[in-house]
Amino acid sequence: MSRELTKAARVRIADLTPGTELYLGVHLDAPGLVIDVSCFGLDAEERLSDDRYFVFFNQPASPEGSVRLLGAQSGDTEAFRVLLPDVPAAIHRLSLTAAIDGAGVMSQVASGYVRVVADGAEVGRYSFTGAEFSTERAVMLADLYRRNGEWRFTAVGQGFDGGLRALLENFGGEAMEEDEPPAAPVPAPSTGVPPTPVPAPTVQVPVQQAPPAAPLPPAAPLPPTAPPPAAPAPGPPGVRISLVKYAEVPEQSGWVRQNDHLVRYTLTKDQDVLALHGSMVAYQGQADFAHESSGMLRKLTANLTGQTLKLMRVSGEGQVFLADEASHLHLVRLEGDALCVSSDRVLAFDAHLEHEVRRIEGEGLPNGGFYTLQFSGHGTVVVKTTGIPVVLPVTPAPETYADLHALVAWSRGAQVITTAPVRIRRSAYRGHAAEAFSVQFRGGPGNFIVVQPFEV
């Protein structure tokens, strides 16, 4: 069970989890704001004495890899992996911060949280809203710190009006100034003395950074998806700044969520995947794409189009990138449980997963019914949606209904009961009457359905 923490609360990490490998997730619901989340590694004087321990999007890991930026994943705006035993003794505090890039203040943040995850389970959370701030443009969200040989977590929630510059100065760092053109000459006085140019302002230079450390082997997976982009190779400054956030994420085994609309799978000799035909947008290394002609899968019919669901088997050694018309992609990890997915919502899945074609039939349904794939076992299914979906619980009462065209997936224990026609008023604009069909679900605790904000 996750422990709820209030502002200024302190707790020993050992009281939350016996684990020493932590995932720190930060979520900021701030429409219209661009916010950079960073981690400062501070010494015993709470100063940034070594700027290699300023971990942010352009320096995504500390030298030995004890702190690593993971990027946005699992609903978090930004996330970090922290290996507590590997944090150097000189680093006494890890401070998670958020700073607004551009216009805006932190009071515009609708809501946010910092959560601590260990062994795949959330063990602590500090939640806040913009009402706790006013004109601050940067805040210290939470800290991990050493006390009497133990690591502890504290919810901070303190801010600075000066933004990132104020944060850096608070931690003893310096912000690099932009180069400015020389000022215009001062007009000559009436005595005829020649004008004297005004010198350009002095440029402050930050502490020299050491070269990046050699890449570390991937750590054991925490929450699904992936570490963040590594710093790009040297190039034109404008390109480096504008595209750095889109760099390929570092190599990691299995599935990785590159961004909301693109996933990557690292192929090995004994791990194939099945993917929607034509979903490959790029690959690296050696990959083989073969038509999957398994009997039942070959006959599977999409529930709306009536066309065959064409799958390809991807094998080899390397990385393959998959997408489908910029759909939102979701990595669903099965741990011995089962999931039913509408056939037209499947992008890819681990080939070793057990999968079975099922037909849901009902009077009045288009073509008399629709097809789904039921997955079970241990592995990953990549589900695609049009827009950001919602997960709804399924209970005996009240009943839960979903528009057939918007239905994405459901838990195996959610029972499909009936269908009911619902007249769609807008169909009249096309010159004819038409009906959509809602599917009813029932089930006990823990069951759910997934619905997308789109229908045909």
Protein backbone atom coordinates (compact mmCIF):
# COMPACT_ATOMS: atom_id res chain seq x y z
CA MET A 1 0.00 0.00 0.00
CA SER A 2 1.30 3.46 -0.91
CA ARG A 3 1.91 5.84 1.96
CA GLU A 4 0.43 9.33 1.54
CA LEU A 5 2.87 12.09 2.53
CA THR A 6 2.09 15.73 3.28
CA LYS A 7 4.30 18.77 2.73
CA ALA A 8 7.38 18.71 5.02
CA ALA A 9 6.75 15.05 5.94
CA ARG A 10 9.85 12.90 6.42
CA VAL A 11 10.09 9.13 6.27
CA ARG A 12 12.86 6.54 6.27
CA ILE A 13 13.16 4.67 2.98
CA ALA A 14 13.56 1.47 5.04
CA ASP A 15 10.05 2.09 6.43
CA LEU A 16 8.65 2.22 2.90
CA THR A 17 10.59 -0.63 1.30
CA PRO A 18 13.56 -2.91 1.93
CA GLY A 19 14.64 -2.28 -1.66
CA THR A 20 17.51 -0.01 -2.61
CA GLU A 21 16.63 0.47 -6.28
CA LEU A 22 14.03 3.22 -6.50
CA TYR A 23 11.91 4.76 -9.23
CA LEU A 24 10.96 8.40 -8.58
CA GLY A 25 8.05 9.56 -10.71
CA VAL A 26 7.01 13.21 -11.06
CA HIS A 27 3.67 14.22 -12.54
CA LEU A 28 2.70 17.83 -13.32
CA ASP A 29 -0.71 18.66 -14.76
CA ALA A 30 0.10 22.10 -16.13
CA PRO A 31 -1.62 22.91 -19.45
CA GLY A 32 0.20 25.60 -21.40
CA LEU A 33 3.39 25.43 -19.31
CA VAL A 34 6.73 23.95 -20.31
CA ILE A 35 8.37 22.57 -17.15
CA ASP A 36 11.82 20.99 -16.88
CA VAL A 37 12.26 18.41 -14.10
CA SER A 38 15.81 17.85 -12.83
CA CYS A 39 17.72 16.14 -10.04
CA PHE A 40 20.57 17.88 -8.17
CA GLY A 41 23.18 15.76 -6.37
CA LEU A 42 24.35 17.90 -3.44
CA ASP A 43 27.28 17.54 -1.06
CA ALA A 44 27.28 17.73 2.75
CA GLU A 45 26.97 21.53 2.53
CA GLU A 46 23.96 21.10 0.21
CA ARG A 47 25.93 22.60 -2.66
CA LEU A 48 26.32 21.42 -6.24
CA SER A 49 30.08 20.98 -5.90
CA ASP A 50 30.26 18.71 -8.97
CA ASP A 51 27.96 19.70 -11.83
CA ARG A 52 28.15 16.18 -13.28
CA TYR A 53 25.51 15.42 -10.64
CA PHE A 54 23.05 17.86 -12.16
CA VAL A 55 20.89 15.27 -13.97
CA PHE A 56 18.51 16.71 -16.57
CA PHE A 57 17.47 16.11 -20.19
CA ASN A 58 20.83 17.14 -21.62
CA GLN A 59 22.85 15.16 -19.03
CA PRO A 60 20.65 12.13 -18.33
CA ALA A 61 22.89 10.24 -15.88
CA SER A 62 25.42 10.80 -13.13
CA PRO A 63 28.97 9.59 -13.93
CA GLU A 64 28.61 6.16 -12.30
CA GLY A 65 24.92 5.82 -13.25
CA SER A 66 23.48 5.83 -9.73
CA VAL A 67 20.97 8.49 -10.86
CA ARG A 68 19.48 8.15 -14.32
CA LEU A 69 16.75 10.11 -16.08
CA LEU A 70 14.09 7.78 -17.51
CA GLY A 71 11.82 10.27 -19.27
CA ALA A 72 8.02 10.30 -19.33
CA GLN A 73 6.41 6.93 -18.64
CA SER A 74 3.62 5.17 -16.76
CA GLY A 75 1.65 8.42 -16.47
CA ASP A 76 4.59 10.36 -15.01
CA THR A 77 5.77 13.59 -16.64
CA GLU A 78 9.35 12.68 -15.77
CA ALA A 79 11.00 9.82 -13.89
CA PHE A 80 14.36 8.88 -12.41
CA ARG A 81 15.99 5.59 -11.42
CA VAL A 82 18.11 5.80 -8.26
CA LEU A 83 20.47 3.02 -7.14
CA LEU A 84 21.03 4.02 -3.52
CA PRO A 85 24.09 1.78 -2.83
CA ASP A 86 25.88 3.29 -5.84
CA VAL A 87 25.41 6.96 -4.89
CA PRO A 88 28.91 8.24 -4.00
CA ALA A 89 29.56 9.02 -0.33
CA ALA A 90 30.23 12.67 -1.28
CA ILE A 91 26.60 13.05 -2.41
CA HIS A 92 24.41 13.59 0.66
CA ARG A 93 21.18 14.78 -0.90
CA LEU A 94 19.28 14.23 -4.17
CA SER A 95 16.88 17.10 -4.78
CA LEU A 96 14.05 16.75 -7.33
CA THR A 97 13.15 20.12 -8.82
CA ALA A 98 10.82 21.61 -11.42
CA ALA A 99 11.44 24.88 -13.27
CA ILE A 100 9.23 26.67 -15.79
CA ASP A 101 10.84 27.23 -19.20
CA GLY A 102 9.27 30.39 -20.56
CA ALA A 103 6.30 32.34 -19.23
CA GLY A 104 4.15 31.22 -16.33
CA VAL A 105 4.17 30.61 -12.59
CA MET A 106 3.78 27.46 -10.49
CA SER A 107 0.36 28.54 -9.22
CA GLN A 108 -0.91 27.61 -12.72
CA VAL A 109 -0.17 23.93 -12.03
CA ALA A 110 -3.51 22.19 -11.60
CA SER A 111 -2.10 19.24 -9.65
CA GLY A 112 1.04 17.19 -9.26
CA TYR A 113 2.79 14.51 -7.29
CA VAL A 114 6.10 12.85 -6.56
CA ARG A 115 5.90 9.09 -6.04
CA VAL A 116 8.35 6.48 -4.86
CA VAL A 117 8.22 3.05 -6.52
CA ALA A 118 10.18 -0.04 -5.47
CA ASP A 119 10.02 -3.51 -7.04
CA GLY A 120 7.26 -2.31 -9.37
CA ALA A 121 4.92 -1.14 -6.56
CA GLU A 122 4.27 2.41 -5.40
CA VAL A 123 5.26 2.77 -1.73
CA GLY A 124 4.96 6.53 -1.14
CA ARG A 125 3.40 9.62 -2.71
CA TYR A 126 3.47 13.37 -2.06
CA SER A 127 0.61 15.19 -3.82
CA PHE A 128 0.23 18.95 -4.26
CA THR A 129 -1.67 21.60 -6.23
CA GLY A 130 -0.82 25.01 -7.62
CA ALA A 131 -2.73 26.59 -4.74
CA GLU A 132 0.35 25.92 -2.59
CA PHE A 133 2.37 28.35 -4.73
CA SER A 134 1.98 31.90 -6.00
CA THR A 135 4.62 33.62 -8.17
CA GLU A 136 7.28 30.91 -7.94
CA ARG A 137 8.78 29.80 -11.24
CA ALA A 138 10.85 26.94 -9.81
CA VAL A 139 10.28 24.59 -6.87
CA MET A 140 12.14 21.97 -4.91
CA LEU A 141 9.62 19.13 -4.96
CA ALA A 142 11.17 16.40 -2.79
CA ASP A 143 14.52 15.17 -1.49
CA LEU A 144 16.27 11.88 -0.86
CA TYR A 145 18.91 12.46 1.80
CA ARG A 146 21.24 10.63 4.18
CA ARG A 147 20.77 10.78 7.95
CA ASN A 148 22.69 8.62 10.41
CA GLY A 149 23.69 6.22 7.65
CA GLU A 150 20.11 5.81 6.35
CA TRP A 151 18.35 7.18 3.31
CA ARG A 152 15.22 9.22 3.93
CA PHE A 153 12.57 10.94 1.82
CA THR A 154 11.06 14.35 2.50
CA ALA A 155 8.30 16.26 0.72
CA VAL A 156 9.63 19.82 0.27
CA GLY A 157 7.33 21.98 -1.89
CA GLN A 158 9.38 25.20 -1.63
CA GLY A 159 9.85 27.57 -4.54
CA PHE A 160 11.83 30.47 -6.00
CA ASP A 161 10.49 33.39 -8.01
CA GLY A 162 13.70 33.50 -10.04
CA GLY A 163 13.20 30.17 -11.79
CA LEU A 164 16.08 27.87 -12.72
CA ARG A 165 18.68 30.60 -12.15
CA ALA A 166 17.52 30.96 -8.53
CA LEU A 167 17.67 27.19 -8.09
CA LEU A 168 21.23 27.04 -9.40
CA GLU A 169 22.33 29.92 -7.22
CA ASN A 170 20.66 28.33 -4.18
CA PHE A 171 22.73 25.20 -4.77
CA GLY A 172 25.92 27.16 -5.38
CA GLY A 173 25.95 26.85 -9.17
CA GLU A 174 26.05 29.48 -11.89
CA ALA A 175 23.81 30.00 -14.89
CA MET A 176 25.49 30.60 -18.22
CA GLU A 177 24.53 33.90 -19.79
CA GLU A 178 23.63 34.32 -23.43
CA ASP A 179 26.27 36.21 -25.45
CA GLU A 180 25.08 39.75 -26.07
CA PRO A 181 26.15 42.11 -28.83
CA PRO A 182 28.29 45.05 -27.79
CA ALA A 183 26.33 48.04 -26.60
CA ALA A 184 25.99 51.02 -28.90
CA PRO A 185 28.69 53.69 -28.49
CA VAL A 186 27.96 56.43 -26.00
CA PRO A 187 27.26 59.66 -27.87
CA ALA A 188 30.17 62.12 -27.77
CA PRO A 189 29.73 65.09 -25.47
CA SER A 190 29.49 68.56 -26.96
CA THR A 191 33.19 69.15 -26.25
CA GLY A 192 34.00 66.99 -29.25
CA VAL A 193 35.58 64.14 -27.24
CA PRO A 194 35.33 60.89 -29.29
CA PRO A 195 32.66 58.39 -28.10
CA THR A 196 33.81 55.61 -25.78
CA PRO A 197 32.40 52.13 -26.47
CA VAL A 198 30.74 50.35 -23.54
CA PRO A 199 32.29 46.92 -22.90
CA ALA A 200 30.12 43.83 -23.29
CA PRO A 201 28.97 42.19 -20.03
CA THR A 202 31.16 39.48 -18.55
CA VAL A 203 29.97 35.97 -19.37
CA GLN A 204 29.80 33.52 -16.47
CA VAL A 205 31.01 30.05 -17.36
CA PRO A 206 29.69 27.02 -15.44
CA VAL A 207 31.98 24.40 -13.90
CA GLN A 208 33.68 22.37 -16.62
CA GLN A 209 31.87 19.10 -17.20
CA ALA A 210 33.70 15.82 -17.33
CA PRO A 211 33.25 13.66 -20.42
CA PRO A 212 30.21 11.38 -20.29
CA ALA A 213 30.69 8.08 -18.52
CA ALA A 214 30.67 4.85 -20.46
CA PRO A 215 27.16 3.40 -20.84
CA LEU A 216 26.07 1.05 -18.08
CA PRO A 217 24.44 -2.30 -18.66
CA PRO A 218 20.65 -2.06 -18.37
CA ALA A 219 19.32 -2.45 -14.86
CA ALA A 220 16.49 -4.72 -13.84
CA PRO A 221 13.20 -3.25 -15.10
CA LEU A 222 11.16 -1.08 -12.78
CA PRO A 223 7.88 0.29 -14.13
CA PRO A 224 7.30 -0.45 -17.82
CA THR A 225 8.96 1.46 -20.60
CA ALA A 226 12.16 3.11 -20.85
CA PRO A 227 15.16 5.16 -19.90
CA PRO A 228 15.43 8.58 -21.51
CA PRO A 229 17.42 9.97 -24.41
CA ALA A 230 21.16 10.17 -24.06
CA ALA A 231 22.82 13.48 -24.84
CA PRO A 232 23.09 13.98 -28.62
CA ALA A 233 26.34 14.00 -30.52
CA PRO A 234 27.88 17.44 -31.13
CA GLY A 235 26.20 19.33 -33.92
CA PRO A 236 24.82 22.74 -34.80
CA PRO A 237 23.63 24.34 -31.52
CA GLY A 238 20.16 25.10 -32.81
CA VAL A 239 19.59 21.52 -33.95
CA ARG A 240 21.02 20.07 -30.76
CA ILE A 241 18.74 22.18 -28.58
CA SER A 242 15.55 21.65 -30.58
CA LEU A 243 15.88 17.89 -31.15
CA VAL A 244 17.64 16.61 -28.04
CA LYS A 245 14.41 15.47 -26.40
CA TYR A 246 13.62 13.28 -29.40
CA ALA A 247 16.86 11.30 -29.44
CA GLU A 248 16.60 7.51 -29.37
CA VAL A 249 16.35 6.18 -25.83
CA PRO A 250 19.39 4.19 -24.63
CA GLU A 251 19.51 0.50 -25.46
CA GLN A 252 17.47 -1.71 -23.14
CA SER A 253 16.15 -5.23 -23.42
CA GLY A 254 12.55 -5.89 -24.34
CA TRP A 255 9.93 -3.25 -25.00
CA VAL A 256 10.60 0.48 -24.72
CA ARG A 257 8.15 3.35 -25.14
CA GLN A 258 10.05 5.87 -27.27
CA ASN A 259 7.18 8.37 -27.03
CA ASP A 260 3.39 8.41 -26.97
CA HIS A 261 3.14 7.17 -30.56
CA LEU A 262 6.24 5.00 -31.07
CA VAL A 263 7.56 1.86 -29.39
CA ARG A 264 10.81 -0.03 -29.78
CA TYR A 265 11.56 -3.70 -29.27
CA THR A 266 15.07 -5.13 -28.87
CA LEU A 267 15.21 -8.44 -30.71
CA THR A 268 17.20 -11.46 -29.54
CA LYS A 269 17.68 -14.87 -31.12
CA ASP A 270 15.04 -16.52 -28.95
CA GLN A 271 12.53 -13.67 -28.59
CA ASP A 272 10.23 -12.94 -31.56
CA VAL A 273 7.28 -10.59 -31.68
CA LEU A 274 4.12 -10.54 -33.75
CA ALA A 275 3.18 -7.11 -35.10
CA LEU A 276 0.58 -5.57 -37.35
CA HIS A 277 1.67 -5.83 -40.95
CA GLY A 278 3.14 -2.51 -42.07
CA SER A 279 3.68 -1.16 -38.54
CA MET A 280 7.50 -1.15 -38.84
CA VAL A 281 8.76 2.42 -39.29
CA ALA A 282 12.50 1.76 -38.75
CA TYR A 283 14.91 -0.89 -37.54
CA GLN A 284 18.57 -1.21 -36.58
CA GLY A 285 20.77 -4.28 -36.86
CA GLN A 286 19.41 -7.43 -38.48
CA ALA A 287 15.68 -8.05 -38.50
CA ASP A 288 13.57 -10.47 -40.50
CA PHE A 289 9.91 -9.78 -41.28
CA ALA A 290 7.81 -12.77 -42.25
CA HIS A 291 4.09 -13.03 -42.89
CA GLU A 292 2.41 -14.86 -40.02
CA SER A 293 0.09 -17.44 -41.54
CA SER A 294 -1.15 -19.18 -38.40
CA GLY A 295 -4.55 -20.63 -39.20
CA MET A 296 -6.80 -18.85 -36.70
CA LEU A 297 -4.91 -15.57 -36.80
CA ARG A 298 -4.97 -15.60 -40.58
CA LYS A 299 -8.76 -15.89 -40.49
CA LEU A 300 -9.25 -13.23 -37.83
CA THR A 301 -11.60 -10.51 -39.01
CA ALA A 302 -11.48 -6.96 -37.70
CA ASN A 303 -14.77 -6.11 -35.98
CA LEU A 304 -15.56 -3.02 -38.02
CA THR A 305 -13.92 -3.25 -41.40
CA GLY A 306 -14.42 -6.91 -42.18
CA GLN A 307 -10.83 -7.10 -43.41
CA THR A 308 -8.30 -9.70 -42.39
CA LEU A 309 -5.96 -8.78 -39.52
CA LYS A 310 -2.54 -9.24 -41.11
CA LEU A 311 0.32 -10.00 -38.75
CA MET A 312 4.05 -10.35 -39.35
CA ARG A 313 6.61 -12.20 -37.28
CA VAL A 314 9.66 -10.09 -36.46
CA SER A 315 12.86 -11.92 -35.54
CA GLY A 316 16.62 -11.36 -35.54
CA GLU A 317 19.03 -9.26 -33.50
CA GLY A 318 18.62 -5.50 -33.27
CA GLN A 319 15.92 -2.94 -32.60
CA VAL A 320 12.64 -2.49 -34.44
CA PHE A 321 10.44 0.62 -34.15
CA LEU A 322 6.67 0.16 -34.49
CA ALA A 323 3.82 2.65 -34.93
CA ASP A 324 0.45 2.94 -36.65
CA GLU A 325 -0.85 6.27 -37.95
CA ALA A 326 0.36 8.13 -34.83
CA SER A 327 -2.01 6.17 -32.59
CA HIS A 328 -1.39 6.41 -28.86
CA LEU A 329 0.49 3.27 -27.84
CA HIS A 330 0.33 1.50 -24.48
CA LEU A 331 2.58 -1.29 -23.21
CA VAL A 332 0.42 -3.68 -21.19
CA ARG A 333 2.48 -6.14 -19.15
CA LEU A 334 0.76 -9.44 -18.29
CA GLU A 335 2.01 -11.33 -15.24
CA GLY A 336 0.07 -14.54 -15.52
CA ASP A 337 -3.27 -12.76 -15.97
CA ALA A 338 -5.35 -12.33 -19.13
CA LEU A 339 -6.61 -9.46 -21.27
CA CYS A 340 -9.12 -9.29 -24.13
CA VAL A 341 -8.38 -6.70 -26.83
CA SER A 342 -10.54 -5.69 -29.78
CA SER A 343 -8.85 -7.03 -32.88
CA ASP A 344 -8.40 -3.60 -34.47
CA ARG A 345 -6.68 -2.27 -31.32
CA VAL A 346 -3.75 -4.71 -31.35
CA LEU A 347 -0.42 -3.37 -32.63
CA ALA A 348 2.03 -6.05 -31.45
CA PHE A 349 2.70 -8.66 -28.76
CA ASP A 350 5.33 -11.10 -27.57
CA ALA A 351 5.13 -14.20 -29.73
CA HIS A 352 5.36 -16.51 -26.70
CA LEU A 353 2.15 -15.15 -25.17
CA GLU A 354 -0.82 -17.48 -25.36
CA HIS A 355 -3.37 -15.88 -27.66
CA GLU A 356 -6.80 -17.06 -28.66
CA VAL A 357 -9.30 -15.66 -31.15
CA ARG A 358 -12.75 -15.12 -29.72
CA ARG A 359 -15.95 -13.95 -31.35
CA ILE A 360 -18.53 -11.97 -29.40
CA GLU A 361 -21.92 -12.50 -30.95
CA GLY A 362 -25.17 -10.65 -30.44
CA GLU A 363 -28.39 -10.01 -32.27
CA GLY A 364 -28.18 -6.86 -34.34
CA LEU A 365 -24.40 -6.48 -34.08
CA PRO A 366 -22.63 -5.57 -37.32
CA ASN A 367 -21.86 -8.80 -39.18
CA GLY A 368 -23.55 -10.66 -36.31
CA GLY A 369 -20.62 -10.11 -33.94
CA PHE A 370 -17.03 -8.95 -33.57
CA TYR A 371 -13.64 -10.55 -32.95
CA THR A 372 -11.21 -10.14 -30.09
CA LEU A 373 -7.85 -11.56 -29.13
CA GLN A 374 -7.51 -12.94 -25.61
CA PHE A 375 -3.93 -12.88 -24.31
CA SER A 376 -2.63 -14.70 -21.26
CA GLY A 377 0.70 -15.64 -19.73
CA HIS A 378 3.76 -13.52 -19.04
CA GLY A 379 4.66 -10.90 -21.61
CA THR A 380 3.69 -7.61 -23.23
CA VAL A 381 0.83 -6.55 -25.49
CA VAL A 382 1.04 -3.22 -27.33
CA VAL A 383 -2.44 -1.70 -27.49
CA LYS A 384 -3.22 1.27 -29.71
CA THR A 385 -5.89 3.89 -29.12
CA THR A 386 -7.10 6.99 -30.88
CA GLY A 387 -6.59 9.59 -28.19
CA ILE A 388 -5.96 9.01 -24.49
CA PRO A 389 -8.20 6.22 -23.16
CA VAL A 390 -10.06 5.84 -19.88
CA VAL A 391 -10.10 2.72 -17.68
CA LEU A 392 -13.51 2.08 -16.07
CA PRO A 393 -14.22 -0.40 -13.28
CA VAL A 394 -16.76 -3.14 -13.92
CA THR A 395 -19.09 -3.97 -11.04
CA PRO A 396 -22.33 -5.96 -10.69
CA ALA A 397 -24.24 -2.74 -10.14
CA PRO A 398 -24.51 -0.32 -11.71
CA GLU A 399 -23.85 -1.98 -15.02
CA THR A 400 -21.17 -0.63 -17.34
CA TYR A 401 -21.84 -0.06 -21.04
CA ALA A 402 -19.41 0.86 -23.80
CA ASP A 403 -19.94 1.97 -27.37
CA LEU A 404 -18.81 -0.94 -29.51
CA HIS A 405 -16.79 1.35 -31.77
CA ALA A 406 -14.97 2.97 -28.81
CA LEU A 407 -14.28 -0.27 -26.92
CA VAL A 408 -10.57 -1.13 -26.71
CA ALA A 409 -10.00 -3.90 -24.15
CA TRP A 410 -11.30 -5.54 -21.00
CA SER A 411 -10.17 -7.90 -18.27
CA ARG A 412 -10.98 -11.57 -18.73
CA GLY A 413 -13.28 -11.58 -15.70
CA ALA A 414 -15.48 -8.85 -17.18
CA GLN A 415 -18.45 -10.70 -18.65
CA VAL A 416 -20.09 -9.48 -21.86
CA ILE A 417 -23.86 -9.71 -21.30
CA THR A 418 -25.95 -7.95 -23.91
CA THR A 419 -25.96 -5.37 -26.64
CA ALA A 420 -28.33 -2.47 -26.94
CA PRO A 421 -28.90 -0.19 -29.94
CA VAL A 422 -28.45 3.53 -29.35
CA ARG A 423 -29.61 5.90 -32.07
CA ILE A 424 -26.95 8.45 -32.98
CA ARG A 425 -28.56 11.75 -33.83
CA ARG A 426 -25.68 12.97 -35.97
CA SER A 427 -26.16 10.07 -38.40
CA ALA A 428 -29.12 11.94 -39.82
CA TYR A 429 -26.73 14.47 -41.31
CA ARG A 430 -25.48 11.77 -43.63
CA GLY A 431 -28.96 11.34 -45.01
CA HIS A 432 -29.87 8.08 -43.29
CA ALA A 433 -30.70 6.68 -39.87
CA ALA A 434 -28.11 4.51 -38.17
CA GLU A 435 -27.53 2.91 -34.80
CA ALA A 436 -24.46 2.35 -32.65
CA PHE A 437 -24.30 -0.65 -30.36
CA SER A 438 -23.32 -0.52 -26.72
CA VAL A 439 -21.92 -3.64 -25.09
CA GLN A 440 -22.79 -4.36 -21.47
CA PHE A 441 -20.21 -5.67 -18.99
CA ARG A 442 -20.54 -7.19 -15.54
CA GLY A 443 -17.90 -8.44 -13.16
CA GLY A 444 -16.48 -8.45 -9.67
CA PRO A 445 -13.78 -6.32 -8.03
CA GLY A 446 -10.63 -5.82 -10.07
CA ASN A 447 -12.34 -6.08 -13.44
CA PHE A 448 -12.26 -3.21 -15.90
CA ILE A 449 -12.80 -2.04 -19.46
CA VAL A 450 -10.73 0.37 -21.56
CA VAL A 451 -12.51 2.90 -23.80
CA GLN A 452 -10.96 5.37 -26.25
CA PRO A 453 -12.33 8.88 -26.92
CA PHE A 454 -13.12 8.04 -30.53
CA GLU A 455 -15.66 6.07 -32.51
CA VAL A 456 -16.08 5.38 -36.18
